[in-house]
Amino acid sequence: MKQYGVVLFHTTSAVLRTEKLLRKEGFAIKLIPTPRQFSSDCGIALRFDWNCQERIGSILGEARIAFDALHFLDTMTA
């Protein structure tokens, strides 16, 4: 079973900027409503393959995109 993570953001503009950047980098990502188990200022989260979490965190840092957190998404409760 594939394991996913989510990036939580404070603003919708940060989500959209990240989506564009990560798609350009070739990541398989999906915009989803922020899962209930996580709190976020923005109602949109970005789902990604959990195996890519370190690289995605680095890319966001290099691009100076503000985000709240990277979380493992437990698909049994999502």
C-alpha atoms as a PDB file:
ATOM      1  CA  MET A   1       0.000   0.000   0.000  1.00  0.00           C
ATOM      2  CA  LYS A   2       1.301   3.431  -0.933  1.00  0.00           C
ATOM      3  CA  GLN A   3       2.027   5.811   1.930  1.00  0.00           C
ATOM      4  CA  TYR A   4       1.185   9.478   1.610  1.00  0.00           C
ATOM      5  CA  GLY A   5       2.044  12.671   3.373  1.00  0.00           C
ATOM      6  CA  VAL A   6       0.466  16.104   3.333  1.00  0.00           C
ATOM      7  CA  VAL A   7       1.877  19.594   3.380  1.00  0.00           C
ATOM      8  CA  LEU A   8      -0.201  22.071   5.361  1.00  0.00           C
ATOM      9  CA  PHE A   9      -0.165  25.760   4.525  1.00  0.00           C
ATOM     10  CA  HIS A  10      -1.259  29.055   6.043  1.00  0.00           C
ATOM     11  CA  THR A  11      -2.472  30.513   2.726  1.00  0.00           C
ATOM     12  CA  THR A  12      -4.063  29.329  -0.487  1.00  0.00           C
ATOM     13  CA  SER A  13      -1.495  31.252  -2.519  1.00  0.00           C
ATOM     14  CA  ALA A  14       1.302  29.205  -0.916  1.00  0.00           C
ATOM     15  CA  VAL A  15      -0.531  25.979  -1.830  1.00  0.00           C
ATOM     16  CA  LEU A  16      -0.899  27.031  -5.458  1.00  0.00           C
ATOM     17  CA  ARG A  17       2.710  28.209  -5.707  1.00  0.00           C
ATOM     18  CA  THR A  18       3.905  24.889  -4.258  1.00  0.00           C
ATOM     19  CA  GLU A  19       1.678  22.880  -6.586  1.00  0.00           C
ATOM     20  CA  LYS A  20       3.154  24.639  -9.604  1.00  0.00           C
ATOM     21  CA  LEU A  21       6.730  24.206  -8.356  1.00  0.00           C
ATOM     22  CA  LEU A  22       6.424  20.521  -7.458  1.00  0.00           C
ATOM     23  CA  ARG A  23       4.649  19.614 -10.698  1.00  0.00           C
ATOM     24  CA  LYS A  24       7.467  21.334 -12.585  1.00  0.00           C
ATOM     25  CA  GLU A  25       9.916  19.179 -10.600  1.00  0.00           C
ATOM     26  CA  GLY A  26       7.997  16.043 -11.649  1.00  0.00           C
ATOM     27  CA  PHE A  27       6.356  15.076  -8.351  1.00  0.00           C
ATOM     28  CA  ALA A  28       3.038  13.213  -8.313  1.00  0.00           C
ATOM     29  CA  ILE A  29       0.933  15.449  -6.068  1.00  0.00           C
ATOM     30  CA  LYS A  30      -2.734  16.117  -5.455  1.00  0.00           C
ATOM     31  CA  LEU A  31      -4.616  19.000  -3.861  1.00  0.00           C
ATOM     32  CA  ILE A  32      -6.991  17.727  -1.181  1.00  0.00           C
ATOM     33  CA  PRO A  33      -9.133  19.237   1.590  1.00  0.00           C
ATOM     34  CA  THR A  34      -7.082  19.485   4.773  1.00  0.00           C
ATOM     35  CA  PRO A  35      -7.657  16.216   6.667  1.00  0.00           C
ATOM     36  CA  ARG A  36      -9.661  16.624   9.883  1.00  0.00           C
ATOM     37  CA  GLN A  37      -6.900  15.244  12.083  1.00  0.00           C
ATOM     38  CA  PHE A  38      -4.689  18.227  11.179  1.00  0.00           C
ATOM     39  CA  SER A  39      -5.228  21.871  11.957  1.00  0.00           C
ATOM     40  CA  SER A  40      -4.399  24.443   9.321  1.00  0.00           C
ATOM     41  CA  ASP A  41      -5.168  28.054   8.485  1.00  0.00           C
ATOM     42  CA  CYS A  42      -5.857  27.021   4.922  1.00  0.00           C
ATOM     43  CA  GLY A  43      -8.505  24.445   3.996  1.00  0.00           C
ATOM     44  CA  ILE A  44      -6.382  22.970   1.197  1.00  0.00           C
ATOM     45  CA  ALA A  45      -3.485  20.559   1.655  1.00  0.00           C
ATOM     46  CA  LEU A  46      -1.106  19.014  -0.827  1.00  0.00           C
ATOM     47  CA  ARG A  47      -0.832  15.192  -0.828  1.00  0.00           C
ATOM     48  CA  PHE A  48       2.415  13.542  -1.915  1.00  0.00           C
ATOM     49  CA  ASP A  49       4.237  10.207  -1.811  1.00  0.00           C
ATOM     50  CA  TRP A  50       5.683   9.975   1.721  1.00  0.00           C
ATOM     51  CA  ASN A  51       8.984   8.653   0.354  1.00  0.00           C
ATOM     52  CA  CYS A  52       9.577  12.135  -1.118  1.00  0.00           C
ATOM     53  CA  GLN A  53       9.072  14.056   2.119  1.00  0.00           C
ATOM     54  CA  GLU A  54      12.719  15.043   2.682  1.00  0.00           C
ATOM     55  CA  ARG A  55      13.174  16.278  -0.876  1.00  0.00           C
ATOM     56  CA  ILE A  56       9.889  18.197  -0.834  1.00  0.00           C
ATOM     57  CA  GLY A  57      10.838  19.845   2.460  1.00  0.00           C
ATOM     58  CA  SER A  58      14.168  20.886   0.947  1.00  0.00           C
ATOM     59  CA  ILE A  59      12.547  22.284  -2.190  1.00  0.00           C
ATOM     60  CA  LEU A  60      10.077  24.330  -0.155  1.00  0.00           C
ATOM     61  CA  GLY A  61      12.903  25.677   1.984  1.00  0.00           C
ATOM     62  CA  GLU A  62      15.028  26.579  -1.042  1.00  0.00           C
ATOM     63  CA  ALA A  63      12.056  28.313  -2.683  1.00  0.00           C
ATOM     64  CA  ARG A  64      11.261  30.107   0.603  1.00  0.00           C
ATOM     65  CA  ILE A  65       7.655  28.969   0.521  1.00  0.00           C
ATOM     66  CA  ALA A  66       6.009  29.285   3.923  1.00  0.00           C
ATOM     67  CA  PHE A  67       4.241  26.138   5.044  1.00  0.00           C
ATOM     68  CA  ASP A  68       2.888  24.917   8.343  1.00  0.00           C
ATOM     69  CA  ALA A  69       4.107  21.310   8.422  1.00  0.00           C
ATOM     70  CA  LEU A  70       4.708  18.036   6.598  1.00  0.00           C
ATOM     71  CA  HIS A  71       2.684  15.189   8.104  1.00  0.00           C
ATOM     72  CA  PHE A  72       2.355  11.485   7.482  1.00  0.00           C
ATOM     73  CA  LEU A  73      -1.179  10.769   6.281  1.00  0.00           C
ATOM     74  CA  ASP A  74      -2.615   7.685   7.925  1.00  0.00           C
ATOM     75  CA  THR A  75      -4.873   6.414   5.147  1.00  0.00           C
ATOM     76  CA  MET A  76      -6.769   4.238   7.632  1.00  0.00           C
ATOM     77  CA  THR A  77      -8.199   7.363   9.286  1.00  0.00           C
ATOM     78  CA  ALA A  78      -8.201   9.732   6.294  1.00  0.00           C
END
